[in-house]
Amino acid sequence: MRPNCFLEVGYALGRELHTLLMARKGSSLPFDVQTFAGLLWETGGTVEDRRRTFREHWEAVKNRPPLVAAESLVS
């Protein structure tokens, strides 16, 4: 819950950069990123299980469209 991280996430999303939100499972997420597909990780299971979970999440979100078209923000 560091405010500078929210600024950085907003900047990355606004620049249409590939962005992953990750938090430990059970964390309380702020309202403005709850609907954003993030990876809730946990320390249990094998390393290979955690790698597979990460790769599956990355494959699911890597080509997600931008939240806001950048062209409409710049005139």
N, C-alpha and C. Protein backbone atom coordinates (compact mmCIF):
# COMPACT_ATOMS: atom_id res chain seq x y z
N MET A 1 0.84 -1.18 0.00
CA MET A 1 0.00 0.00 0.00
C MET A 1 0.88 1.25 0.00
N ARG A 2 1.74 1.34 -1.00
CA ARG A 2 2.61 2.51 -1.11
C ARG A 2 2.09 3.43 -2.21
N PRO A 3 1.78 4.67 -1.88
CA PRO A 3 1.19 5.59 -2.87
C PRO A 3 2.02 5.74 -4.13
N ASN A 4 3.35 5.73 -4.02
CA ASN A 4 4.16 5.89 -5.23
C ASN A 4 3.94 4.75 -6.22
N CYS A 5 3.60 3.56 -5.72
CA CYS A 5 3.35 2.43 -6.61
C CYS A 5 2.10 2.67 -7.45
N PHE A 6 1.08 3.30 -6.87
CA PHE A 6 -0.13 3.59 -7.64
C PHE A 6 0.16 4.60 -8.74
N LEU A 7 1.01 5.56 -8.45
CA LEU A 7 1.41 6.52 -9.47
C LEU A 7 2.15 5.81 -10.60
N GLU A 8 3.05 4.91 -10.25
CA GLU A 8 3.81 4.17 -11.25
C GLU A 8 2.91 3.26 -12.09
N VAL A 9 1.95 2.61 -11.46
CA VAL A 9 1.00 1.76 -12.19
C VAL A 9 0.18 2.60 -13.16
N GLY A 10 -0.30 3.75 -12.69
CA GLY A 10 -1.07 4.63 -13.56
C GLY A 10 -0.25 5.11 -14.74
N TYR A 11 1.01 5.46 -14.51
CA TYR A 11 1.89 5.88 -15.59
C TYR A 11 2.08 4.76 -16.60
N ALA A 12 2.38 3.57 -16.11
CA ALA A 12 2.61 2.43 -17.01
C ALA A 12 1.37 2.12 -17.83
N LEU A 13 0.21 2.13 -17.20
CA LEU A 13 -1.02 1.85 -17.93
C LEU A 13 -1.31 2.95 -18.96
N GLY A 14 -1.06 4.20 -18.58
CA GLY A 14 -1.27 5.31 -19.50
C GLY A 14 -0.34 5.28 -20.69
N ARG A 15 0.85 4.73 -20.50
CA ARG A 15 1.82 4.61 -21.59
C ARG A 15 1.65 3.31 -22.36
N GLU A 16 0.63 2.53 -22.00
CA GLU A 16 0.33 1.25 -22.64
C GLU A 16 1.49 0.26 -22.51
N LEU A 17 2.18 0.29 -21.37
CA LEU A 17 3.25 -0.66 -21.09
C LEU A 17 2.66 -1.93 -20.49
N HIS A 18 3.25 -3.07 -20.80
CA HIS A 18 2.81 -4.31 -20.18
C HIS A 18 3.01 -4.20 -18.68
N THR A 19 1.94 -4.42 -17.94
CA THR A 19 1.97 -4.21 -16.50
C THR A 19 1.33 -5.38 -15.78
N LEU A 20 2.01 -5.88 -14.77
CA LEU A 20 1.47 -6.94 -13.92
C LEU A 20 1.27 -6.40 -12.52
N LEU A 21 0.08 -6.62 -11.98
CA LEU A 21 -0.16 -6.31 -10.58
C LEU A 21 -0.10 -7.62 -9.82
N MET A 22 0.69 -7.65 -8.78
CA MET A 22 0.85 -8.86 -7.99
C MET A 22 0.77 -8.52 -6.51
N ALA A 23 0.14 -9.41 -5.75
CA ALA A 23 0.05 -9.23 -4.31
C ALA A 23 -0.05 -10.60 -3.67
N ARG A 24 0.36 -10.68 -2.43
CA ARG A 24 0.23 -11.94 -1.69
C ARG A 24 -1.24 -12.27 -1.50
N LYS A 25 -1.58 -13.52 -1.69
CA LYS A 25 -2.96 -13.97 -1.51
C LYS A 25 -3.42 -13.60 -0.10
N GLY A 26 -4.62 -13.04 -0.02
CA GLY A 26 -5.17 -12.60 1.26
C GLY A 26 -4.96 -11.11 1.52
N SER A 27 -4.17 -10.45 0.66
CA SER A 27 -3.95 -9.01 0.81
C SER A 27 -5.24 -8.25 0.52
N SER A 28 -5.39 -7.14 1.17
CA SER A 28 -6.53 -6.26 0.91
C SER A 28 -6.12 -5.29 -0.18
N LEU A 29 -6.80 -5.37 -1.31
CA LEU A 29 -6.47 -4.49 -2.43
C LEU A 29 -7.33 -3.23 -2.39
N PRO A 30 -6.77 -2.08 -2.75
CA PRO A 30 -7.57 -0.86 -2.77
C PRO A 30 -8.63 -0.93 -3.87
N PHE A 31 -9.69 -0.19 -3.68
CA PHE A 31 -10.84 -0.28 -4.58
C PHE A 31 -10.49 -0.02 -6.04
N ASP A 32 -9.54 0.85 -6.31
CA ASP A 32 -9.29 1.24 -7.69
C ASP A 32 -8.49 0.21 -8.49
N VAL A 33 -7.98 -0.83 -7.89
CA VAL A 33 -7.31 -1.89 -8.65
C VAL A 33 -7.94 -3.27 -8.42
N GLN A 34 -9.03 -3.33 -7.68
CA GLN A 34 -9.66 -4.62 -7.41
C GLN A 34 -10.17 -5.27 -8.68
N THR A 35 -10.64 -4.50 -9.64
CA THR A 35 -11.19 -5.08 -10.86
C THR A 35 -10.13 -5.35 -11.92
N PHE A 36 -8.91 -4.92 -11.69
CA PHE A 36 -7.81 -5.14 -12.61
C PHE A 36 -7.26 -6.54 -12.39
N ALA A 37 -7.13 -7.32 -13.44
CA ALA A 37 -6.66 -8.70 -13.29
C ALA A 37 -5.24 -8.72 -12.73
N GLY A 38 -5.11 -9.19 -11.52
CA GLY A 38 -3.80 -9.29 -10.88
C GLY A 38 -3.52 -10.72 -10.46
N LEU A 39 -2.29 -10.97 -10.15
CA LEU A 39 -1.88 -12.29 -9.69
C LEU A 39 -1.76 -12.27 -8.17
N LEU A 40 -2.56 -13.07 -7.52
CA LEU A 40 -2.47 -13.22 -6.07
C LEU A 40 -1.63 -14.46 -5.80
N TRP A 41 -0.40 -14.25 -5.35
CA TRP A 41 0.54 -15.35 -5.18
C TRP A 41 0.54 -15.84 -3.75
N GLU A 42 1.03 -17.05 -3.60
CA GLU A 42 1.19 -17.63 -2.26
C GLU A 42 2.48 -18.43 -2.23
N THR A 43 2.97 -18.68 -1.04
CA THR A 43 4.26 -19.34 -0.89
C THR A 43 4.15 -20.86 -0.85
N GLY A 44 2.93 -21.40 -0.78
CA GLY A 44 2.76 -22.84 -0.73
C GLY A 44 2.95 -23.49 -2.09
N GLY A 45 3.03 -24.79 -2.11
CA GLY A 45 3.20 -25.53 -3.36
C GLY A 45 4.64 -25.58 -3.79
N THR A 46 4.85 -26.20 -4.92
CA THR A 46 6.22 -26.33 -5.42
C THR A 46 6.60 -25.10 -6.23
N VAL A 47 7.89 -24.97 -6.44
CA VAL A 47 8.39 -23.86 -7.26
C VAL A 47 7.81 -23.97 -8.66
N GLU A 48 7.75 -25.18 -9.18
CA GLU A 48 7.20 -25.38 -10.52
C GLU A 48 5.73 -24.98 -10.59
N ASP A 49 4.95 -25.27 -9.55
CA ASP A 49 3.55 -24.84 -9.50
C ASP A 49 3.45 -23.32 -9.55
N ARG A 50 4.30 -22.65 -8.79
CA ARG A 50 4.26 -21.19 -8.76
C ARG A 50 4.71 -20.61 -10.10
N ARG A 51 5.69 -21.21 -10.73
CA ARG A 51 6.11 -20.76 -12.07
C ARG A 51 4.99 -20.93 -13.08
N ARG A 52 4.33 -22.08 -13.04
CA ARG A 52 3.24 -22.34 -13.97
C ARG A 52 2.11 -21.32 -13.77
N THR A 53 1.77 -21.05 -12.52
CA THR A 53 0.72 -20.07 -12.22
C THR A 53 1.09 -18.70 -12.77
N PHE A 54 2.35 -18.31 -12.57
CA PHE A 54 2.82 -17.02 -13.09
C PHE A 54 2.74 -16.98 -14.61
N ARG A 55 3.23 -18.02 -15.27
CA ARG A 55 3.21 -18.05 -16.74
C ARG A 55 1.79 -18.02 -17.28
N GLU A 56 0.88 -18.75 -16.65
CA GLU A 56 -0.51 -18.75 -17.09
C GLU A 56 -1.12 -17.35 -16.95
N HIS A 57 -0.82 -16.69 -15.85
CA HIS A 57 -1.33 -15.33 -15.66
C HIS A 57 -0.75 -14.40 -16.72
N TRP A 58 0.54 -14.47 -16.94
CA TRP A 58 1.18 -13.61 -17.93
C TRP A 58 0.59 -13.83 -19.32
N GLU A 59 0.40 -15.08 -19.71
CA GLU A 59 -0.19 -15.37 -21.01
C GLU A 59 -1.60 -14.80 -21.12
N ALA A 60 -2.34 -14.81 -20.03
CA ALA A 60 -3.72 -14.32 -20.04
C ALA A 60 -3.80 -12.80 -20.15
N VAL A 61 -2.80 -12.09 -19.65
CA VAL A 61 -2.91 -10.62 -19.61
C VAL A 61 -1.93 -9.88 -20.50
N LYS A 62 -0.96 -10.55 -21.10
CA LYS A 62 0.09 -9.82 -21.82
C LYS A 62 -0.42 -9.03 -23.02
N ASN A 63 -1.50 -9.46 -23.62
CA ASN A 63 -2.04 -8.75 -24.78
C ASN A 63 -3.34 -8.03 -24.48
N ARG A 64 -3.56 -7.73 -23.22
CA ARG A 64 -4.80 -7.04 -22.86
C ARG A 64 -4.78 -5.64 -23.48
N PRO A 65 -5.93 -5.20 -23.97
CA PRO A 65 -5.98 -3.86 -24.57
C PRO A 65 -5.82 -2.77 -23.51
N PRO A 66 -5.39 -1.59 -23.93
CA PRO A 66 -5.25 -0.48 -22.98
C PRO A 66 -6.59 -0.13 -22.35
N LEU A 67 -6.54 0.37 -21.13
CA LEU A 67 -7.76 0.79 -20.45
C LEU A 67 -8.34 2.07 -21.05
N VAL A 68 -7.45 2.94 -21.53
CA VAL A 68 -7.85 4.21 -22.13
C VAL A 68 -7.00 4.41 -23.38
N ALA A 69 -7.64 4.80 -24.46
CA ALA A 69 -6.89 5.07 -25.69
C ALA A 69 -6.03 6.32 -25.48
N ALA A 70 -4.72 6.19 -25.67
CA ALA A 70 -3.80 7.30 -25.42
C ALA A 70 -4.03 8.45 -26.40
N GLU A 71 -4.47 8.18 -27.61
CA GLU A 71 -4.66 9.24 -28.60
C GLU A 71 -5.68 10.27 -28.12
N SER A 72 -6.72 9.82 -27.43
CA SER A 72 -7.75 10.75 -27.00
C SER A 72 -7.30 11.66 -25.85
N LEU A 73 -6.19 11.31 -25.21
CA LEU A 73 -5.70 12.11 -24.07
C LEU A 73 -4.76 13.22 -24.50
N VAL A 74 -4.20 13.10 -25.69
CA VAL A 74 -3.20 14.08 -26.16
C VAL A 74 -3.76 14.79 -27.37
N SER A 75 -3.71 16.11 -27.33
CA SER A 75 -4.21 16.86 -28.49
C SER A 75 -3.14 17.78 -29.02
